[in-house]
Amino acid sequence: MKGAIIFTGTGPILILTTYASMKDPQFIKKLAMKGIKKFIACELDLETVKKKYGDYYNSIMNDVKQTDDLRVLDYNGHSVFYNFSFHDIGKPIFYEP
């Protein structure tokens, strides 16, 4: 499982995914199905995400309504942006079709 901030046209979201790479064509297709066709992705240390989101992280992981390959943990852009330091995020990956 990986955590990542995805910067989109409407602001950042925090996702959890089982995809090995943010450049995986199936990952990109999954984001496109959610209306995200152009993005900047920055991976996060999963332990940092778990610490910051605590019980909410666990409830999202146990939500049977969601699929295992991509889960949105936080879609409040303000919360996502200010919950993590720039030192917490990995090297950005840019994607546009």
N, C-alpha and C. Protein backbone atom coordinates (compact mmCIF):
# COMPACT_ATOMS: atom_id res chain seq x y z
N MET A 1 0.85 -1.17 0.00
CA MET A 1 0.00 0.00 0.00
C MET A 1 0.90 1.23 0.00
N LYS A 2 0.50 2.23 -0.78
CA LYS A 2 1.21 3.51 -0.83
C LYS A 2 0.24 4.63 -0.52
N GLY A 3 0.77 5.68 0.03
CA GLY A 3 0.01 6.90 0.22
C GLY A 3 0.56 7.96 -0.73
N ALA A 4 -0.31 8.83 -1.22
CA ALA A 4 0.15 9.90 -2.12
C ALA A 4 -0.80 11.07 -2.08
N ILE A 5 -0.23 12.25 -2.28
CA ILE A 5 -1.03 13.44 -2.52
C ILE A 5 -1.12 13.59 -4.03
N ILE A 6 -2.33 13.73 -4.52
CA ILE A 6 -2.56 13.95 -5.94
C ILE A 6 -3.06 15.39 -6.08
N PHE A 7 -2.25 16.23 -6.73
CA PHE A 7 -2.64 17.61 -6.98
C PHE A 7 -3.42 17.63 -8.30
N THR A 8 -4.66 18.07 -8.22
CA THR A 8 -5.56 18.10 -9.37
C THR A 8 -5.98 19.53 -9.65
N GLY A 9 -6.79 19.69 -10.67
CA GLY A 9 -7.29 21.01 -11.02
C GLY A 9 -8.17 21.63 -9.95
N THR A 10 -8.77 20.80 -9.10
CA THR A 10 -9.63 21.31 -8.04
C THR A 10 -8.96 21.31 -6.67
N GLY A 11 -7.69 20.90 -6.63
CA GLY A 11 -6.95 20.91 -5.37
C GLY A 11 -6.43 19.52 -5.04
N PRO A 12 -5.65 19.42 -3.97
CA PRO A 12 -5.04 18.15 -3.62
C PRO A 12 -6.02 17.18 -2.96
N ILE A 13 -5.81 15.88 -3.21
CA ILE A 13 -6.52 14.83 -2.51
C ILE A 13 -5.46 13.85 -1.98
N LEU A 14 -5.81 13.13 -0.94
CA LEU A 14 -4.92 12.13 -0.38
C LEU A 14 -5.48 10.77 -0.71
N ILE A 15 -4.66 9.93 -1.35
CA ILE A 15 -5.12 8.61 -1.75
C ILE A 15 -4.23 7.52 -1.15
N LEU A 16 -4.79 6.33 -1.10
CA LEU A 16 -4.07 5.12 -0.77
C LEU A 16 -4.22 4.19 -1.96
N THR A 17 -3.16 3.53 -2.35
CA THR A 17 -3.22 2.66 -3.52
C THR A 17 -2.30 1.46 -3.38
N THR A 18 -2.67 0.39 -4.07
CA THR A 18 -1.81 -0.80 -4.13
C THR A 18 -0.98 -0.81 -5.40
N TYR A 19 -1.17 0.16 -6.28
CA TYR A 19 -0.37 0.21 -7.50
C TYR A 19 1.09 0.49 -7.15
N ALA A 20 1.98 -0.18 -7.84
CA ALA A 20 3.42 -0.05 -7.57
C ALA A 20 3.97 1.30 -8.00
N SER A 21 3.31 1.94 -8.97
CA SER A 21 3.82 3.19 -9.51
C SER A 21 2.67 4.15 -9.82
N MET A 22 2.94 5.44 -9.62
CA MET A 22 1.95 6.46 -9.99
C MET A 22 1.91 6.65 -11.50
N LYS A 23 2.81 5.96 -12.21
CA LYS A 23 2.83 6.01 -13.68
C LYS A 23 2.19 4.77 -14.29
N ASP A 24 1.71 3.85 -13.47
CA ASP A 24 1.08 2.63 -13.95
C ASP A 24 -0.14 3.00 -14.79
N PRO A 25 -0.25 2.47 -16.01
CA PRO A 25 -1.38 2.80 -16.88
C PRO A 25 -2.74 2.51 -16.24
N GLN A 26 -2.82 1.46 -15.43
CA GLN A 26 -4.10 1.14 -14.77
C GLN A 26 -4.42 2.17 -13.67
N PHE A 27 -3.40 2.66 -12.98
CA PHE A 27 -3.59 3.70 -11.98
C PHE A 27 -4.10 4.97 -12.67
N ILE A 28 -3.46 5.33 -13.77
CA ILE A 28 -3.86 6.52 -14.53
C ILE A 28 -5.29 6.37 -15.03
N LYS A 29 -5.63 5.18 -15.50
CA LYS A 29 -6.99 4.91 -15.97
C LYS A 29 -8.00 5.05 -14.83
N LYS A 30 -7.64 4.54 -13.65
CA LYS A 30 -8.52 4.63 -12.49
C LYS A 30 -8.77 6.08 -12.10
N LEU A 31 -7.71 6.91 -12.11
CA LEU A 31 -7.89 8.34 -11.83
C LEU A 31 -8.77 9.00 -12.88
N ALA A 32 -8.55 8.65 -14.15
CA ALA A 32 -9.36 9.22 -15.24
C ALA A 32 -10.83 8.88 -15.04
N MET A 33 -11.13 7.68 -14.54
CA MET A 33 -12.52 7.29 -14.28
C MET A 33 -13.14 8.15 -13.19
N LYS A 34 -12.30 8.74 -12.35
CA LYS A 34 -12.77 9.65 -11.30
C LYS A 34 -12.74 11.11 -11.76
N GLY A 35 -12.43 11.32 -13.05
CA GLY A 35 -12.41 12.66 -13.62
C GLY A 35 -11.07 13.37 -13.52
N ILE A 36 -10.03 12.67 -13.09
CA ILE A 36 -8.70 13.26 -12.94
C ILE A 36 -7.85 12.81 -14.12
N LYS A 37 -7.67 13.69 -15.07
CA LYS A 37 -6.94 13.34 -16.29
C LYS A 37 -5.54 13.95 -16.34
N LYS A 38 -5.29 14.93 -15.51
CA LYS A 38 -3.99 15.60 -15.44
C LYS A 38 -3.69 15.81 -13.96
N PHE A 39 -2.46 15.45 -13.55
CA PHE A 39 -2.19 15.54 -12.12
C PHE A 39 -0.69 15.59 -11.84
N ILE A 40 -0.41 15.98 -10.61
CA ILE A 40 0.94 15.87 -10.04
C ILE A 40 0.78 14.97 -8.82
N ALA A 41 1.55 13.88 -8.78
CA ALA A 41 1.46 12.92 -7.67
C ALA A 41 2.75 12.97 -6.87
N CYS A 42 2.61 12.97 -5.56
CA CYS A 42 3.76 12.95 -4.65
C CYS A 42 3.51 11.86 -3.61
N GLU A 43 4.39 10.86 -3.58
CA GLU A 43 4.23 9.78 -2.62
C GLU A 43 4.55 10.26 -1.20
N LEU A 44 3.91 9.59 -0.26
CA LEU A 44 4.10 9.87 1.17
C LEU A 44 4.50 8.60 1.89
N ASP A 45 5.21 8.75 2.99
CA ASP A 45 5.51 7.62 3.84
C ASP A 45 4.20 7.15 4.48
N LEU A 46 3.88 5.88 4.33
CA LEU A 46 2.61 5.36 4.82
C LEU A 46 2.47 5.47 6.33
N GLU A 47 3.56 5.31 7.06
CA GLU A 47 3.51 5.44 8.52
C GLU A 47 3.13 6.87 8.93
N THR A 48 3.61 7.86 8.18
CA THR A 48 3.25 9.26 8.45
C THR A 48 1.76 9.47 8.22
N VAL A 49 1.24 8.90 7.15
CA VAL A 49 -0.19 9.00 6.85
C VAL A 49 -1.00 8.35 7.97
N LYS A 50 -0.60 7.16 8.39
CA LYS A 50 -1.31 6.45 9.47
C LYS A 50 -1.32 7.29 10.75
N LYS A 51 -0.18 7.90 11.09
CA LYS A 51 -0.10 8.71 12.31
C LYS A 51 -1.03 9.92 12.24
N LYS A 52 -1.07 10.57 11.09
CA LYS A 52 -1.86 11.80 10.96
C LYS A 52 -3.36 11.52 10.89
N TYR A 53 -3.75 10.36 10.35
CA TYR A 53 -5.18 10.08 10.15
C TYR A 53 -5.74 9.05 11.12
N GLY A 54 -4.88 8.34 11.86
CA GLY A 54 -5.29 7.45 12.95
C GLY A 54 -6.46 6.54 12.65
N ASP A 55 -7.51 6.67 13.47
CA ASP A 55 -8.69 5.80 13.35
C ASP A 55 -9.40 5.97 12.01
N TYR A 56 -9.36 7.18 11.46
CA TYR A 56 -10.00 7.41 10.17
C TYR A 56 -9.29 6.58 9.08
N TYR A 57 -7.97 6.51 9.15
CA TYR A 57 -7.20 5.67 8.22
C TYR A 57 -7.69 4.23 8.32
N ASN A 58 -7.82 3.73 9.53
CA ASN A 58 -8.27 2.35 9.74
C ASN A 58 -9.68 2.13 9.21
N SER A 59 -10.56 3.08 9.41
CA SER A 59 -11.94 2.91 8.93
C SER A 59 -12.00 2.90 7.40
N ILE A 60 -11.17 3.71 6.76
CA ILE A 60 -11.12 3.71 5.29
C ILE A 60 -10.57 2.37 4.79
N MET A 61 -9.56 1.86 5.46
CA MET A 61 -8.98 0.57 5.05
C MET A 61 -9.96 -0.58 5.24
N ASN A 62 -10.88 -0.45 6.18
CA ASN A 62 -11.85 -1.52 6.46
C ASN A 62 -13.18 -1.33 5.75
N ASP A 63 -13.32 -0.27 4.97
CA ASP A 63 -14.58 0.03 4.26
C ASP A 63 -14.76 -0.96 3.12
N VAL A 64 -15.74 -1.85 3.25
CA VAL A 64 -15.96 -2.87 2.22
C VAL A 64 -16.54 -2.31 0.93
N LYS A 65 -17.01 -1.09 0.94
CA LYS A 65 -17.57 -0.48 -0.26
C LYS A 65 -16.49 -0.04 -1.24
N GLN A 66 -15.28 0.10 -0.78
CA GLN A 66 -14.19 0.58 -1.63
C GLN A 66 -13.38 -0.59 -2.15
N THR A 67 -12.76 -0.38 -3.30
CA THR A 67 -11.88 -1.41 -3.85
C THR A 67 -10.48 -1.24 -3.27
N ASP A 68 -9.69 -2.27 -3.36
CA ASP A 68 -8.36 -2.25 -2.74
C ASP A 68 -7.34 -1.45 -3.53
N ASP A 69 -7.54 -1.24 -4.83
CA ASP A 69 -6.49 -0.64 -5.63
C ASP A 69 -6.38 0.88 -5.51
N LEU A 70 -7.45 1.55 -5.13
CA LEU A 70 -7.40 3.02 -4.98
C LEU A 70 -8.49 3.48 -4.02
N ARG A 71 -8.08 4.12 -2.96
CA ARG A 71 -9.02 4.66 -1.97
C ARG A 71 -8.68 6.12 -1.71
N VAL A 72 -9.70 6.95 -1.66
CA VAL A 72 -9.50 8.35 -1.32
C VAL A 72 -9.62 8.48 0.19
N LEU A 73 -8.55 8.92 0.83
CA LEU A 73 -8.52 9.07 2.28
C LEU A 73 -9.01 10.46 2.70
N ASP A 74 -8.68 11.48 1.90
CA ASP A 74 -9.08 12.84 2.24
C ASP A 74 -9.21 13.65 0.95
N TYR A 75 -10.37 14.25 0.74
CA TYR A 75 -10.58 15.07 -0.45
C TYR A 75 -10.73 16.55 -0.10
N ASN A 76 -10.50 16.88 1.16
CA ASN A 76 -10.51 18.28 1.58
C ASN A 76 -9.13 18.85 1.30
N GLY A 77 -9.02 19.61 0.21
CA GLY A 77 -7.73 20.12 -0.24
C GLY A 77 -6.97 20.89 0.83
N HIS A 78 -7.66 21.71 1.59
CA HIS A 78 -7.01 22.49 2.65
C HIS A 78 -6.40 21.56 3.68
N SER A 79 -7.16 20.57 4.10
CA SER A 79 -6.67 19.61 5.09
C SER A 79 -5.46 18.84 4.56
N VAL A 80 -5.55 18.35 3.34
CA VAL A 80 -4.45 17.58 2.74
C VAL A 80 -3.19 18.44 2.65
N PHE A 81 -3.34 19.65 2.13
CA PHE A 81 -2.19 20.52 1.91
C PHE A 81 -1.47 20.88 3.21
N TYR A 82 -2.26 21.16 4.26
CA TYR A 82 -1.64 21.61 5.51
C TYR A 82 -1.32 20.49 6.49
N ASN A 83 -1.76 19.26 6.20
CA ASN A 83 -1.44 18.13 7.06
C ASN A 83 -0.01 17.62 6.87
N PHE A 84 0.59 17.94 5.73
CA PHE A 84 1.91 17.41 5.41
C PHE A 84 2.89 18.53 5.08
N SER A 85 4.09 18.39 5.61
CA SER A 85 5.17 19.32 5.30
C SER A 85 5.72 18.98 3.92
N PHE A 86 6.33 19.94 3.27
CA PHE A 86 6.99 19.66 1.99
C PHE A 86 8.09 18.62 2.18
N HIS A 87 8.61 18.52 3.40
CA HIS A 87 9.65 17.51 3.69
C HIS A 87 9.07 16.10 3.73
N ASP A 88 7.73 15.99 3.91
CA ASP A 88 7.07 14.69 3.99
C ASP A 88 6.82 14.07 2.61
N ILE A 89 6.78 14.90 1.58
CA ILE A 89 6.36 14.38 0.28
C ILE A 89 7.55 14.01 -0.60
N GLY A 90 7.31 13.00 -1.43
CA GLY A 90 8.35 12.53 -2.34
C GLY A 90 8.45 13.40 -3.58
N LYS A 91 9.35 13.01 -4.46
CA LYS A 91 9.58 13.71 -5.71
C LYS A 91 8.30 13.70 -6.55
N PRO A 92 7.90 14.85 -7.10
CA PRO A 92 6.65 14.89 -7.87
C PRO A 92 6.74 14.12 -9.19
N ILE A 93 5.62 13.51 -9.51
CA ILE A 93 5.44 12.82 -10.79
C ILE A 93 4.37 13.58 -11.55
N PHE A 94 4.71 14.05 -12.71
CA PHE A 94 3.78 14.85 -13.53
C PHE A 94 3.14 13.97 -14.58
N TYR A 95 1.82 14.11 -14.75
CA TYR A 95 1.14 13.36 -15.80
C TYR A 95 0.11 14.25 -16.49
N GLU A 96 0.14 14.21 -17.81
CA GLU A 96 -0.95 14.79 -18.60
C GLU A 96 -1.06 13.95 -19.87
N PRO A 97 -2.27 13.76 -20.35
CA PRO A 97 -2.46 12.91 -21.54
C PRO A 97 -1.86 13.52 -22.78
